[in-house]
Amino acid sequence: MPRAISSDPDRHPIEPAVAPLVFAMKQVVASQPCWSCEGHLDLDGRPWKSPRVWFYSDSMVAVRLLTDGLNNLARMGKLQASWRVSVTYSDPTNAETTFSLEPAQPFDEANDLAALQEDLSTIAETLSALMSRQALALYRETMGDARRVR
């Protein structure tokens, strides 16, 4: 799977710990992942690169649903760290807005890489149901508001 969903499988296959989340995001979030990292330690075993998935999305509703869903997973105690979706950019010459699904806290000694990678797996496994639940909750909330206005 990591080679099949990479735009450059020979030079940049998607790393195994993040591949299920990249695949799930392509399927569910109305997004196009454009870069990912499973997280890495330096040669001395200290945090170096944080796990994350960068993606494009034409749907701000999908970004909202993903953010709300991550917050709900954290509240339910299913994640070991807090995660967020932030706005970033892929490179200075690209005018497209890029989003990053990433740990909310800096990647340092307080964040265990194995725990963050376990969170990647949890998010991937629950993403479809998570997005569906959040969409239904948003629909009910907005329809309730529409009925009150009438």
Protein backbone atom coordinates (compact mmCIF):
# COMPACT_ATOMS: atom_id res chain seq x y z
CA MET A 1 0.00 0.00 0.00
CA PRO A 2 2.71 2.60 0.82
CA ARG A 3 4.13 2.38 -2.70
CA ALA A 4 0.70 2.34 -4.35
CA ILE A 5 -0.50 5.59 -2.79
CA SER A 6 2.77 7.51 -3.11
CA SER A 7 3.18 10.02 -5.92
CA ASP A 8 6.84 8.94 -6.19
CA PRO A 9 6.99 5.35 -4.89
CA ASP A 10 10.60 4.68 -5.88
CA ARG A 11 12.12 7.70 -4.18
CA HIS A 12 9.49 8.43 -1.52
CA PRO A 13 7.28 5.49 -0.53
CA ILE A 14 4.92 6.36 2.29
CA GLU A 15 6.31 5.21 5.60
CA PRO A 16 4.57 2.17 7.12
CA ALA A 17 3.40 3.76 10.41
CA VAL A 18 1.62 6.63 8.63
CA ALA A 19 0.44 4.81 5.47
CA PRO A 20 -2.93 3.62 6.91
CA LEU A 21 -3.82 7.19 7.92
CA VAL A 22 -2.81 8.60 4.52
CA PHE A 23 -4.93 5.93 2.83
CA ALA A 24 -7.91 6.61 5.14
CA MET A 25 -7.67 10.35 4.55
CA LYS A 26 -7.68 9.85 0.78
CA GLN A 27 -10.82 7.75 1.14
CA VAL A 28 -12.80 9.65 3.74
CA VAL A 29 -11.82 13.24 4.42
CA ALA A 30 -12.40 14.88 1.02
CA SER A 31 -8.71 15.62 1.06
CA GLN A 32 -5.61 14.99 -0.96
CA PRO A 33 -2.63 14.10 1.25
CA CYS A 34 0.53 15.62 -0.19
CA TRP A 35 3.22 14.78 2.36
CA SER A 36 3.53 12.59 5.42
CA CYS A 37 5.98 11.48 8.06
CA GLU A 38 5.68 8.67 10.61
CA GLY A 39 8.00 10.55 12.97
CA HIS A 40 11.68 9.96 13.64
CA LEU A 41 14.27 10.10 16.39
CA ASP A 42 17.79 11.40 15.80
CA LEU A 43 20.89 9.22 16.14
CA ASP A 44 20.96 9.89 19.89
CA GLY A 45 17.34 8.76 20.31
CA ARG A 46 15.95 12.27 20.78
CA PRO A 47 12.83 13.50 18.97
CA TRP A 48 13.68 14.82 15.51
CA LYS A 49 10.66 14.77 13.16
CA SER A 50 7.10 14.75 14.39
CA PRO A 51 4.48 12.44 12.87
CA ARG A 52 2.09 14.34 10.60
CA VAL A 53 0.10 14.29 7.38
CA TRP A 54 -0.12 17.37 5.18
CA PHE A 55 -3.13 17.58 2.91
CA TYR A 56 -5.15 19.82 0.62
CA SER A 57 -8.90 20.16 1.07
CA ASP A 58 -11.52 22.09 -0.85
CA SER A 59 -13.99 21.47 1.97
CA MET A 60 -13.70 23.55 5.11
CA VAL A 61 -16.55 21.45 6.51
CA ALA A 62 -14.38 18.33 6.17
CA VAL A 63 -11.53 20.10 7.97
CA ARG A 64 -13.96 21.11 10.73
CA LEU A 65 -15.31 17.56 11.04
CA LEU A 66 -11.79 16.16 11.25
CA THR A 67 -10.80 18.70 13.93
CA ASP A 68 -13.95 18.08 15.97
CA GLY A 69 -13.46 14.33 15.62
CA LEU A 70 -9.87 14.51 16.87
CA ASN A 71 -11.05 16.52 19.88
CA ASN A 72 -13.72 13.90 20.59
CA LEU A 73 -11.22 11.04 20.35
CA ALA A 74 -9.01 12.87 22.84
CA ARG A 75 -11.94 13.51 25.22
CA MET A 76 -12.86 9.81 25.09
CA GLY A 77 -9.29 8.92 26.07
CA LYS A 78 -8.60 7.07 22.82
CA LEU A 79 -5.52 9.15 21.95
CA GLN A 80 -2.34 9.39 23.94
CA ALA A 81 -1.64 12.94 22.78
CA SER A 82 -3.74 15.88 21.64
CA TRP A 83 -3.85 16.30 17.86
CA ARG A 84 -4.81 19.30 15.74
CA VAL A 85 -5.31 20.42 12.18
CA SER A 86 -3.33 23.54 11.37
CA VAL A 87 -2.95 25.70 8.29
CA THR A 88 0.45 25.63 6.65
CA TYR A 89 1.89 25.68 3.14
CA SER A 90 3.83 23.10 1.19
CA ASP A 91 6.39 25.42 -0.36
CA PRO A 92 6.80 29.17 -1.00
CA THR A 93 5.89 28.88 -4.69
CA ASN A 94 2.63 26.98 -4.10
CA ALA A 95 -0.35 29.26 -3.50
CA GLU A 96 -2.61 26.40 -2.35
CA THR A 97 -3.50 26.25 1.32
CA THR A 98 -2.15 23.13 2.95
CA PHE A 99 -3.37 21.65 6.22
CA SER A 100 -1.34 19.58 8.65
CA LEU A 101 -2.74 16.86 10.90
CA GLU A 102 -0.17 16.83 13.69
CA PRO A 103 0.37 16.50 17.44
CA ALA A 104 -0.76 19.65 19.22
CA GLN A 105 2.29 19.75 21.48
CA PRO A 106 5.90 20.14 20.27
CA PHE A 107 7.67 16.87 19.58
CA ASP A 108 10.11 16.62 22.48
CA GLU A 109 11.07 14.22 25.21
CA ALA A 110 7.56 14.55 26.68
CA ASN A 111 6.03 12.96 23.57
CA ASP A 112 6.86 9.30 23.10
CA LEU A 113 7.25 8.46 19.40
CA ALA A 114 5.71 5.00 19.83
CA ALA A 115 2.65 6.57 21.50
CA LEU A 116 2.28 9.12 18.69
CA GLN A 117 2.56 6.36 16.09
CA GLU A 118 -0.09 4.39 17.97
CA ASP A 119 -2.31 7.48 17.73
CA LEU A 120 -1.72 7.52 13.94
CA SER A 121 -3.09 3.99 13.85
CA THR A 122 -6.06 4.83 16.09
CA ILE A 123 -7.00 7.84 13.96
CA ALA A 124 -6.72 5.75 10.78
CA GLU A 125 -8.86 2.94 12.18
CA THR A 126 -11.61 5.25 13.43
CA LEU A 127 -11.54 7.93 10.72
CA SER A 128 -14.50 6.76 8.66
CA ALA A 129 -16.83 6.34 11.64
CA LEU A 130 -15.45 9.51 13.23
CA MET A 131 -16.21 11.64 10.18
CA SER A 132 -19.68 10.12 9.83
CA ARG A 133 -20.55 10.80 13.48
CA GLN A 134 -19.26 14.36 13.28
CA ALA A 135 -21.18 15.01 10.04
CA LEU A 136 -24.39 13.70 11.58
CA ALA A 137 -23.89 15.80 14.72
CA LEU A 138 -23.26 18.92 12.63
CA TYR A 139 -26.30 18.19 10.46
CA ARG A 140 -28.53 17.76 13.51
CA GLU A 141 -27.16 20.92 15.09
CA THR A 142 -27.66 23.04 11.98
CA MET A 143 -31.08 21.56 11.23
CA GLY A 144 -32.13 22.25 14.81
CA ASP A 145 -31.05 25.86 14.35
CA ALA A 146 -32.95 26.07 11.04
CA ARG A 147 -36.13 24.75 12.66
CA ARG A 148 -35.85 27.30 15.48
CA VAL A 149 -35.54 30.15 12.97
CA ARG A 150 -38.73 29.27 11.11
